[in-house]
Amino acid sequence: MLLYYTKDFTAQYVDDFDELPFDVDSVRHHVERLVVASKPWQAWVMDVRSVYRWESPKKTGKWLAIYLVLWYTEHLIGFVYGYVLYIVLKNRYFPRSVEQLRESVERSLDGKGTSFEFGELIDKHGRAHWLEPLIEGVGPFLQIQLSDLANMLEVFKNFHAWKSPQATANSLTFIATCLLISILTDTTSCMKVFWFVIGLGFFISWPISSHYPKYRLLVSPFKWALWDVPTDAEWSFQYLRRQAQISREQMIMRKVEQAYAAELVQPGPAFYTGHLSVPVVGFEKGVEEEEEEEDEEDEEEEQEEEEQDDWHSVSSSTSILEETDIIAFRAQCGGVIGRLIVYSSGVRFVRSLVKKDIWKHNFLELAEMRKLEGGTKSKLKLMPLEQLEFKLTDGTILHLEAVKKRDEAFNTIIGFSGIQWQALQAGPGRGGMGSKSGTESTWGVSLPGSK
């Protein structure tokens, strides 16, 4: 009934279909319409970008002063309404100059120049070939944004799931403080704090993120609020370290048991039991009850410390284990058949025939570690696909091929190194799924600040 009486002015907004069939050409046409329709906004976005990047300090300083005045007088929303009126009326009475139009046409016709707007890409490369140049131009930026978005969603999920209890508790404390401030103060004060954070991000965080992308997370307000809450990769690293620490403690206990048994048979200097800081329970008979209670208290304290912090130093137990071999994996290095051995304080490669250490490095010497996959050329030459690569702090690269149980070796090194690793960003020249060579790494980790 309502549609019947209003059909004179609503009929033009009622579609003639319930569900539009999918068509690739129609999608391309709609994308082109979006590009053309957003042309005025593209110039505006580029202008805003130049402001927060401080490309013209005088211009950015002017906008910063305007922002501070509006923030102090609480007229930011009113300024938005006024700015909309201003740009529309300006376009009516002061249209775009002929020189600006001429510059846009010249950029479109210049084969070596860079297009300033998406519409110029269509004029420059044609309707059938504009999409690839657009992806090449915007791709690096979108790749970073998509990666950060995925990391942020993983952090939100792990925050809700209490994957890191201490970090979640810290973030909840911050949120509770914000809630308390919002309850005890008026709405005006809360909005001033909100707009202050927005201005802080626009004039300080965004410029740093834009000019120095590697530091973008350090100036991210979202990261501040959820500091130390791990992504899925970071939580996996923490899990591997915890499991490795359990295995390391069991190895230490076996060492102590063997040393203690040897001391009972042949008394001598009690090296392990004399220097071991881990409480040894059950080795001596006739221990006083007070000492047993002290041992139990020490165990409880150690357990509490492990729950609070899962960080384990690479050299925490090397003096006790004395470079004990943990596990070995068959591999090849430079055509030499041998074994990659993970020992208590590092990794080494031992030749199988006439056993000899080809190389040996401490965990602290490792800067990057990558899992490599052979490409088409490797398959044609019947080369082993599962490969592993180490980059040392001095720049030396060690390449292993035909690594048996490569994923297990990769995880073992992460866990027993006791070092905090960081997932690498994949990309051309660094390996990853975006590489065109097909022989680059599918995944890698590195030490923060090691590069």
Protein backbone atom coordinates (compact mmCIF):
# COMPACT_ATOMS: atom_id res chain seq x y z
CA MET A 1 0.00 0.00 0.00
CA LEU A 2 2.82 2.38 0.91
CA LEU A 3 4.67 1.61 -2.34
CA TYR A 4 1.47 2.20 -4.35
CA TYR A 5 0.90 5.67 -2.97
CA THR A 6 4.57 6.64 -3.23
CA LYS A 7 5.33 5.10 -6.64
CA ASP A 8 5.55 8.50 -8.33
CA PHE A 9 8.84 9.30 -6.59
CA THR A 10 10.08 5.85 -5.46
CA ALA A 11 9.69 3.81 -8.66
CA GLN A 12 13.10 4.89 -9.97
CA TYR A 13 14.79 3.29 -6.93
CA VAL A 14 13.09 -0.14 -7.25
CA ASP A 15 15.11 -2.70 -9.23
CA ASP A 16 13.56 -4.94 -11.84
CA PHE A 17 15.09 -8.12 -10.42
CA ASP A 18 15.30 -10.00 -7.11
CA GLU A 19 18.76 -11.52 -7.63
CA LEU A 20 21.16 -10.31 -10.31
CA PRO A 21 22.98 -13.12 -12.18
CA PHE A 22 26.78 -12.98 -11.92
CA ASP A 23 28.68 -11.70 -14.95
CA VAL A 24 32.44 -10.96 -15.09
CA ASP A 25 32.06 -8.16 -17.62
CA SER A 26 29.45 -6.49 -15.42
CA VAL A 27 31.82 -6.66 -12.43
CA ARG A 28 34.61 -5.05 -14.49
CA HIS A 29 32.19 -2.37 -15.65
CA HIS A 30 31.14 -1.61 -12.06
CA VAL A 31 34.78 -1.38 -10.98
CA GLU A 32 35.44 1.11 -13.78
CA ARG A 33 32.42 3.11 -12.65
CA LEU A 34 33.80 3.17 -9.11
CA VAL A 35 37.16 4.39 -10.38
CA VAL A 36 35.60 7.18 -12.42
CA ALA A 37 33.03 8.17 -9.77
CA SER A 38 35.69 8.34 -7.03
CA LYS A 39 37.96 10.58 -9.11
CA PRO A 40 37.27 13.75 -7.07
CA TRP A 41 37.92 11.86 -3.84
CA GLN A 42 41.21 10.42 -5.12
CA ALA A 43 42.77 13.88 -5.32
CA TRP A 44 41.39 14.68 -1.86
CA VAL A 45 42.83 11.47 -0.39
CA MET A 46 46.24 12.22 -1.90
CA ASP A 47 46.08 15.71 -0.42
CA VAL A 48 45.24 14.31 3.03
CA ARG A 49 48.12 11.86 2.63
CA SER A 50 50.54 14.68 1.92
CA VAL A 51 49.32 16.43 5.08
CA TYR A 52 49.88 13.56 7.53
CA ARG A 53 53.19 12.66 5.86
CA TRP A 54 54.46 16.20 6.61
CA GLU A 55 55.53 16.60 2.97
CA SER A 56 54.96 20.34 3.41
CA PRO A 57 55.71 21.16 7.07
CA LYS A 58 54.13 24.59 6.71
CA LYS A 59 50.86 23.15 5.40
CA THR A 60 50.77 20.36 7.99
CA GLY A 61 51.61 22.82 10.75
CA LYS A 62 48.64 24.97 9.68
CA TRP A 63 46.27 22.00 9.86
CA LEU A 64 47.74 20.97 13.22
CA ALA A 65 47.05 24.44 14.61
CA ILE A 66 43.47 24.32 13.26
CA TYR A 67 42.98 20.91 14.83
CA LEU A 68 44.26 22.05 18.23
CA VAL A 69 41.97 25.08 18.23
CA LEU A 70 38.94 23.00 17.22
CA TRP A 71 39.84 20.31 19.77
CA TYR A 72 40.15 22.86 22.56
CA THR A 73 36.89 24.64 21.63
CA GLU A 74 35.10 21.31 20.98
CA HIS A 75 33.95 22.18 17.46
CA LEU A 76 35.47 19.32 15.48
CA ILE A 77 32.13 17.89 14.30
CA GLY A 78 30.88 21.34 13.35
CA PHE A 79 34.06 21.87 11.33
CA VAL A 80 33.28 18.69 9.33
CA TYR A 81 29.85 20.06 8.35
CA GLY A 82 31.36 23.42 7.46
CA TYR A 83 34.12 21.80 5.42
CA VAL A 84 31.57 19.85 3.35
CA LEU A 85 29.71 23.10 2.57
CA TYR A 86 33.00 24.78 1.73
CA ILE A 87 34.30 22.22 -0.79
CA VAL A 88 30.94 21.92 -2.57
CA LEU A 89 30.47 25.68 -2.91
CA LYS A 90 34.11 26.11 -3.90
CA ASN A 91 33.67 23.58 -6.72
CA ARG A 92 30.62 25.55 -7.90
CA TYR A 93 32.13 29.04 -7.97
CA PHE A 94 35.85 28.18 -8.27
CA PRO A 95 36.03 25.09 -10.52
CA ARG A 96 39.18 23.18 -11.36
CA SER A 97 41.63 25.29 -13.34
CA VAL A 98 42.64 24.56 -16.92
CA GLU A 99 46.28 24.07 -15.83
CA GLN A 100 45.30 21.27 -13.44
CA LEU A 101 43.34 19.52 -16.21
CA ARG A 102 46.29 19.91 -18.57
CA GLU A 103 48.68 18.35 -16.01
CA SER A 104 46.33 15.39 -15.58
CA VAL A 105 46.18 14.80 -19.37
CA GLU A 106 49.97 15.08 -19.66
CA ARG A 107 50.45 12.46 -16.94
CA SER A 108 48.04 10.14 -18.74
CA LEU A 109 49.90 10.51 -22.07
CA ASP A 110 53.37 10.25 -20.55
CA GLY A 111 54.53 6.63 -20.91
CA LYS A 112 57.18 7.00 -18.21
CA GLY A 113 55.27 9.15 -15.78
CA THR A 114 53.31 8.03 -12.77
CA SER A 115 49.54 8.34 -12.84
CA PHE A 116 48.20 10.47 -10.02
CA GLU A 117 44.64 9.10 -10.09
CA PHE A 118 43.05 5.77 -10.98
CA GLY A 119 41.14 7.37 -13.84
CA GLU A 120 44.43 8.36 -15.44
CA LEU A 121 45.47 4.70 -15.41
CA ILE A 122 42.54 3.82 -17.64
CA ASP A 123 43.45 6.62 -20.05
CA LYS A 124 47.12 5.62 -19.98
CA HIS A 125 46.88 1.82 -20.33
CA GLY A 126 43.43 1.31 -21.85
CA ARG A 127 40.31 -0.40 -20.49
CA ALA A 128 41.74 -3.90 -20.98
CA HIS A 129 45.16 -3.37 -19.36
CA TRP A 130 44.73 -0.93 -16.48
CA LEU A 131 44.14 -3.48 -13.70
CA GLU A 132 47.67 -4.96 -13.62
CA PRO A 133 49.44 -1.55 -13.30
CA LEU A 134 46.98 -0.67 -10.55
CA ILE A 135 47.82 -3.85 -8.63
CA GLU A 136 51.55 -3.25 -9.08
CA GLY A 137 51.20 0.28 -7.73
CA VAL A 138 48.85 -0.39 -4.83
CA GLY A 139 49.88 -4.01 -4.19
CA PRO A 140 52.78 -3.38 -1.74
CA PHE A 141 50.62 -1.10 0.40
CA LEU A 142 47.67 -3.51 0.35
CA GLN A 143 49.93 -6.44 1.23
CA ILE A 144 51.08 -4.71 4.41
CA GLN A 145 47.54 -3.66 5.31
CA LEU A 146 46.15 -7.17 4.75
CA SER A 147 48.94 -8.67 6.85
CA ASP A 148 48.32 -6.20 9.68
CA LEU A 149 44.56 -6.83 9.47
CA ALA A 150 45.08 -10.60 9.73
CA ASN A 151 47.48 -10.12 12.66
CA MET A 152 45.01 -7.82 14.40
CA LEU A 153 42.15 -10.33 14.05
CA GLU A 154 44.39 -13.10 15.40
CA VAL A 155 45.33 -10.88 18.35
CA PHE A 156 41.65 -10.17 19.09
CA LYS A 157 40.90 -13.90 18.95
CA ASN A 158 43.81 -14.84 21.22
CA PHE A 159 42.96 -11.99 23.59
CA HIS A 160 39.45 -13.39 24.00
CA ALA A 161 40.77 -16.94 24.32
CA TRP A 162 43.35 -16.02 27.02
CA LYS A 163 46.20 -17.55 25.02
CA SER A 164 48.57 -15.31 26.99
CA PRO A 165 46.96 -14.82 30.43
CA GLN A 166 49.36 -12.13 31.60
CA ALA A 167 48.99 -10.04 28.43
CA THR A 168 45.20 -10.45 28.47
CA ALA A 169 45.08 -9.39 32.12
CA ASN A 170 47.15 -6.28 31.34
CA SER A 171 44.85 -5.33 28.46
CA LEU A 172 41.77 -5.89 30.61
CA THR A 173 43.28 -3.59 33.23
CA PHE A 174 43.68 -0.89 30.59
CA ILE A 175 40.10 -1.38 29.35
CA ALA A 176 38.79 -1.31 32.92
CA THR A 177 40.65 1.97 33.49
CA CYS A 178 39.01 3.45 30.37
CA LEU A 179 35.62 2.26 31.62
CA LEU A 180 36.23 3.84 35.01
CA ILE A 181 37.20 7.14 33.40
CA SER A 182 34.06 7.11 31.23
CA ILE A 183 31.89 6.51 34.30
CA LEU A 184 33.49 9.12 36.56
CA THR A 185 33.81 11.88 33.95
CA ASP A 186 31.29 13.63 31.71
CA THR A 187 30.72 12.91 28.04
CA THR A 188 32.54 16.06 26.97
CA SER A 189 35.77 14.97 28.64
CA CYS A 190 35.53 11.49 27.13
CA MET A 191 35.03 12.92 23.64
CA LYS A 192 38.03 15.23 24.09
CA VAL A 193 40.17 12.23 24.99
CA PHE A 194 38.79 10.34 21.97
CA TRP A 195 39.55 13.15 19.52
CA PHE A 196 42.96 13.67 21.10
CA VAL A 197 43.83 10.03 20.34
CA ILE A 198 42.59 10.52 16.75
CA GLY A 199 44.80 13.58 16.35
CA LEU A 200 47.76 11.78 17.91
CA GLY A 201 47.37 9.01 15.38
CA PHE A 202 46.97 11.36 12.39
CA PHE A 203 49.83 13.77 13.10
CA ILE A 204 52.32 11.43 14.81
CA SER A 205 51.55 7.72 14.36
CA TRP A 206 50.59 7.82 10.67
CA PRO A 207 53.67 9.82 9.58
CA ILE A 208 55.99 7.38 11.32
CA SER A 209 54.10 4.39 9.89
CA SER A 210 54.22 5.88 6.40
CA HIS A 211 57.89 6.91 6.35
CA TYR A 212 59.18 3.99 8.46
CA PRO A 213 56.85 0.98 7.91
CA LYS A 214 59.04 -1.35 9.98
CA TYR A 215 58.13 0.66 13.11
CA ARG A 216 54.41 0.96 12.35
CA LEU A 217 53.34 -1.46 15.12
CA LEU A 218 55.29 0.47 17.76
CA VAL A 219 53.12 3.56 17.15
CA SER A 220 49.81 1.76 16.69
CA PRO A 221 47.17 2.61 19.36
CA PHE A 222 45.57 -0.83 18.85
CA LYS A 223 48.90 -2.48 19.61
CA TRP A 224 49.31 -0.35 22.71
CA ALA A 225 45.94 -1.51 24.04
CA LEU A 226 46.71 -5.19 23.31
CA TRP A 227 50.42 -5.13 23.96
CA ASP A 228 52.12 -8.55 24.04
CA VAL A 229 48.95 -10.43 23.08
CA PRO A 230 50.38 -12.92 20.57
CA THR A 231 49.33 -13.69 17.03
CA ASP A 232 48.92 -17.34 16.07
CA ALA A 233 52.55 -17.52 14.90
CA GLU A 234 53.88 -15.89 18.07
CA TRP A 235 51.78 -18.17 20.24
CA SER A 236 53.16 -21.18 18.33
CA PHE A 237 56.69 -20.00 19.09
CA GLN A 238 55.83 -19.70 22.77
CA TYR A 239 54.30 -23.19 22.78
CA LEU A 240 57.42 -24.67 21.16
CA ARG A 241 59.64 -22.98 23.75
CA ARG A 242 57.54 -24.35 26.62
CA GLN A 243 57.63 -27.88 25.22
CA ALA A 244 61.37 -27.63 24.62
CA GLN A 245 61.89 -26.42 28.18
CA ILE A 246 60.05 -29.47 29.51
CA SER A 247 62.28 -31.75 27.45
CA ARG A 248 65.36 -29.80 28.55
CA GLU A 249 64.44 -30.24 32.22
CA GLN A 250 63.98 -33.98 31.71
CA MET A 251 67.41 -34.18 30.06
CA ILE A 252 68.94 -32.29 32.98
CA MET A 253 67.32 -34.64 35.49
CA ARG A 254 68.65 -37.67 33.62
CA LYS A 255 72.11 -36.12 33.60
CA VAL A 256 71.93 -35.52 37.31
CA GLU A 257 70.70 -39.05 37.97
CA GLN A 258 73.58 -40.50 35.95
CA ALA A 259 76.11 -38.27 37.69
CA TYR A 260 74.71 -39.09 41.12
CA ALA A 261 74.73 -42.82 40.39
CA ALA A 262 78.35 -42.54 39.25
CA GLU A 263 79.26 -40.67 42.44
CA LEU A 264 77.76 -43.46 44.57
CA VAL A 265 79.82 -46.10 42.75
CA GLN A 266 83.01 -44.06 42.60
CA PRO A 267 83.07 -41.04 44.94
CA GLY A 268 84.55 -37.94 43.35
CA PRO A 269 83.88 -34.25 42.75
CA ALA A 270 80.11 -33.77 42.63
CA PHE A 271 80.04 -31.46 39.61
CA TYR A 272 76.41 -31.76 38.56
CA THR A 273 74.85 -32.11 41.99
CA GLY A 274 77.15 -29.46 43.39
CA HIS A 275 76.36 -26.86 40.74
CA LEU A 276 72.79 -27.71 39.80
CA SER A 277 70.25 -25.06 40.77
CA VAL A 278 67.26 -27.28 39.92
CA PRO A 279 66.02 -29.09 43.07
CA VAL A 280 66.76 -32.81 42.98
CA VAL A 281 64.14 -34.79 44.88
CA GLY A 282 64.41 -38.44 45.86
CA PHE A 283 68.13 -39.02 45.33
CA GLU A 284 69.10 -39.08 48.99
CA LYS A 285 67.54 -41.15 51.72
CA GLY A 286 67.01 -39.85 55.21
CA VAL A 287 66.45 -36.25 54.13
CA GLU A 288 64.91 -34.16 56.84
CA GLU A 289 61.31 -33.07 56.49
CA GLU A 290 62.30 -29.41 56.57
CA GLU A 291 64.53 -29.85 53.51
CA GLU A 292 61.72 -31.66 51.66
CA GLU A 293 59.37 -28.78 52.42
CA GLU A 294 61.95 -26.30 51.13
CA ASP A 295 62.28 -28.35 47.92
CA GLU A 296 58.52 -28.34 47.44
CA GLU A 297 58.40 -24.57 47.99
CA ASP A 298 61.18 -24.09 45.42
CA GLU A 299 59.27 -26.20 42.90
CA GLU A 300 56.11 -24.16 43.48
CA GLU A 301 58.04 -20.90 43.00
CA GLU A 302 59.57 -22.19 39.76
CA GLN A 303 56.15 -23.27 38.50
CA GLU A 304 54.72 -19.83 39.26
CA GLU A 305 57.60 -18.18 37.40
CA GLU A 306 56.99 -20.39 34.36
CA GLU A 307 53.29 -19.50 34.35
CA GLN A 308 54.12 -15.80 34.47
CA ASP A 309 56.87 -15.89 31.85
CA ASP A 310 57.66 -18.61 29.36
CA TRP A 311 60.99 -17.03 28.38
CA HIS A 312 63.95 -19.38 28.65
CA SER A 313 67.49 -18.26 27.98
CA VAL A 314 69.55 -20.05 25.36
CA SER A 315 72.35 -20.53 27.88
CA SER A 316 70.20 -21.43 30.88
CA SER A 317 71.23 -25.10 30.89
CA THR A 318 74.12 -25.43 28.45
CA SER A 319 76.71 -25.68 31.23
CA ILE A 320 74.86 -28.67 32.66
CA LEU A 321 74.07 -30.42 29.38
CA GLU A 322 77.60 -29.77 28.02
CA GLU A 323 76.50 -29.46 24.36
CA THR A 324 74.48 -32.67 24.51
CA ASP A 325 73.04 -33.73 21.15
CA ILE A 326 69.24 -33.50 21.22
CA ILE A 327 68.11 -34.78 17.81
CA ALA A 328 69.55 -35.32 14.34
CA PHE A 329 68.04 -35.05 10.85
CA ARG A 330 69.35 -36.41 7.57
CA ALA A 331 70.29 -33.66 5.14
CA GLN A 332 72.71 -32.52 2.46
CA CYS A 333 74.91 -29.44 2.52
CA GLY A 334 76.76 -28.45 -0.63
CA GLY A 335 76.36 -31.95 -2.04
CA VAL A 336 77.75 -33.53 1.15
CA ILE A 337 75.49 -36.14 2.75
CA GLY A 338 75.28 -35.88 6.51
CA ARG A 339 73.11 -34.96 9.47
CA LEU A 340 71.83 -31.70 10.86
CA ILE A 341 72.26 -32.05 14.62
CA VAL A 342 70.46 -29.83 17.10
CA TYR A 343 72.42 -29.79 20.34
CA SER A 344 71.86 -27.96 23.61
CA SER A 345 73.46 -24.67 22.58
CA GLY A 346 73.28 -24.61 18.78
CA VAL A 347 73.19 -26.48 15.48
CA ARG A 348 75.90 -28.26 13.51
CA PHE A 349 76.22 -30.29 10.33
CA VAL A 350 78.17 -33.56 10.51
CA ARG A 351 79.35 -35.48 7.46
CA SER A 352 78.17 -39.11 7.42
CA LEU A 353 81.17 -40.76 5.75
CA VAL A 354 84.28 -40.15 7.86
CA LYS A 355 82.38 -38.22 10.47
CA LYS A 356 83.46 -34.60 10.71
CA ASP A 357 81.84 -31.32 11.68
CA ILE A 358 81.37 -29.28 8.49
CA TRP A 359 80.10 -26.28 10.41
CA LYS A 360 78.93 -25.54 13.93
CA HIS A 361 77.12 -22.44 15.21
CA ASN A 362 75.55 -21.29 18.44
CA PHE A 363 71.87 -20.39 18.54
CA LEU A 364 72.84 -16.78 19.23
CA GLU A 365 74.59 -16.65 15.84
CA LEU A 366 71.34 -17.34 13.96
CA ALA A 367 69.67 -14.27 12.44
CA GLU A 368 67.15 -15.89 10.08
CA MET A 369 65.84 -19.35 9.30
CA ARG A 370 63.75 -20.21 6.25
CA LYS A 371 61.91 -23.21 4.89
CA LEU A 372 62.45 -23.40 1.13
CA GLU A 373 60.51 -25.15 -1.57
CA GLY A 374 62.06 -26.07 -4.91
CA GLY A 375 60.34 -24.65 -7.98
CA THR A 376 59.69 -26.10 -11.43
CA LYS A 377 63.39 -26.23 -12.29
CA SER A 378 64.11 -28.25 -9.17
CA LYS A 379 61.38 -30.74 -10.07
CA LEU A 380 62.72 -31.16 -13.62
CA LYS A 381 66.25 -31.74 -12.31
CA LEU A 382 64.91 -34.13 -9.63
CA MET A 383 66.41 -31.91 -6.95
CA PRO A 384 65.11 -32.32 -3.37
CA LEU A 385 62.24 -29.96 -2.66
CA GLU A 386 62.41 -29.69 1.14
CA GLN A 387 65.21 -27.31 1.96
CA LEU A 388 66.30 -25.26 4.95
CA GLU A 389 68.36 -22.09 5.03
CA PHE A 390 70.13 -20.29 7.87
CA LYS A 391 71.38 -16.73 7.79
CA LEU A 392 73.96 -15.89 10.44
CA THR A 393 74.52 -12.56 12.15
CA ASP A 394 77.67 -12.00 10.06
CA GLY A 395 75.70 -12.40 6.81
CA THR A 396 76.81 -15.98 6.06
CA ILE A 397 74.10 -18.16 4.48
CA LEU A 398 74.00 -21.92 5.12
CA HIS A 399 71.83 -23.93 2.74
CA LEU A 400 70.60 -27.47 3.44
CA GLU A 401 68.83 -29.74 0.97
CA ALA A 402 66.85 -32.96 1.26
CA VAL A 403 66.16 -32.29 4.93
CA LYS A 404 64.25 -35.25 6.30
CA LYS A 405 61.44 -34.19 8.63
CA ARG A 406 62.24 -30.57 7.82
CA ASP A 407 59.22 -29.16 9.67
CA GLU A 408 60.22 -31.04 12.83
CA ALA A 409 63.78 -29.72 12.51
CA PHE A 410 62.45 -26.21 12.01
CA ASN A 411 60.25 -26.40 15.12
CA THR A 412 62.96 -28.07 17.20
CA ILE A 413 65.41 -25.25 16.53
CA ILE A 414 62.79 -22.63 17.41
CA GLY A 415 61.92 -24.38 20.66
CA PHE A 416 65.38 -25.35 21.96
CA SER A 417 67.05 -22.09 20.95
CA GLY A 418 65.21 -20.32 23.76
CA ILE A 419 65.21 -17.21 21.56
CA GLN A 420 62.21 -15.08 20.67
CA TRP A 421 61.59 -15.47 16.94
CA GLN A 422 59.58 -13.30 14.59
CA ALA A 423 57.66 -14.39 11.48
CA LEU A 424 59.08 -12.90 8.29
CA GLN A 425 57.03 -10.96 5.78
CA ALA A 426 57.04 -12.77 2.44
CA GLY A 427 57.85 -10.78 -0.66
CA PRO A 428 60.00 -10.56 -3.80
CA GLY A 429 63.67 -10.84 -2.99
CA ARG A 430 62.91 -12.23 0.45
CA GLY A 431 61.06 -15.32 -0.56
CA GLY A 432 57.45 -16.14 0.01
CA MET A 433 54.32 -16.96 -1.91
CA GLY A 434 54.58 -13.63 -3.77
CA SER A 435 57.92 -14.53 -5.37
CA LYS A 436 57.93 -15.18 -9.09
CA SER A 437 60.99 -17.43 -9.10
CA GLY A 438 59.24 -20.39 -7.45
CA THR A 439 62.35 -21.29 -5.50
CA GLU A 440 62.00 -18.91 -2.61
CA SER A 441 60.98 -19.57 0.97
CA THR A 442 57.41 -20.35 1.88
CA TRP A 443 57.89 -19.32 5.46
CA GLY A 444 60.66 -18.01 7.67
CA VAL A 445 61.47 -16.54 11.04
CA SER A 446 64.09 -14.16 12.24
CA LEU A 447 65.38 -12.53 15.38
CA PRO A 448 63.95 -9.04 16.02
CA GLY A 449 66.57 -6.46 15.21
CA SER A 450 68.96 -8.98 13.74
CA LYS A 451 68.68 -7.67 10.21
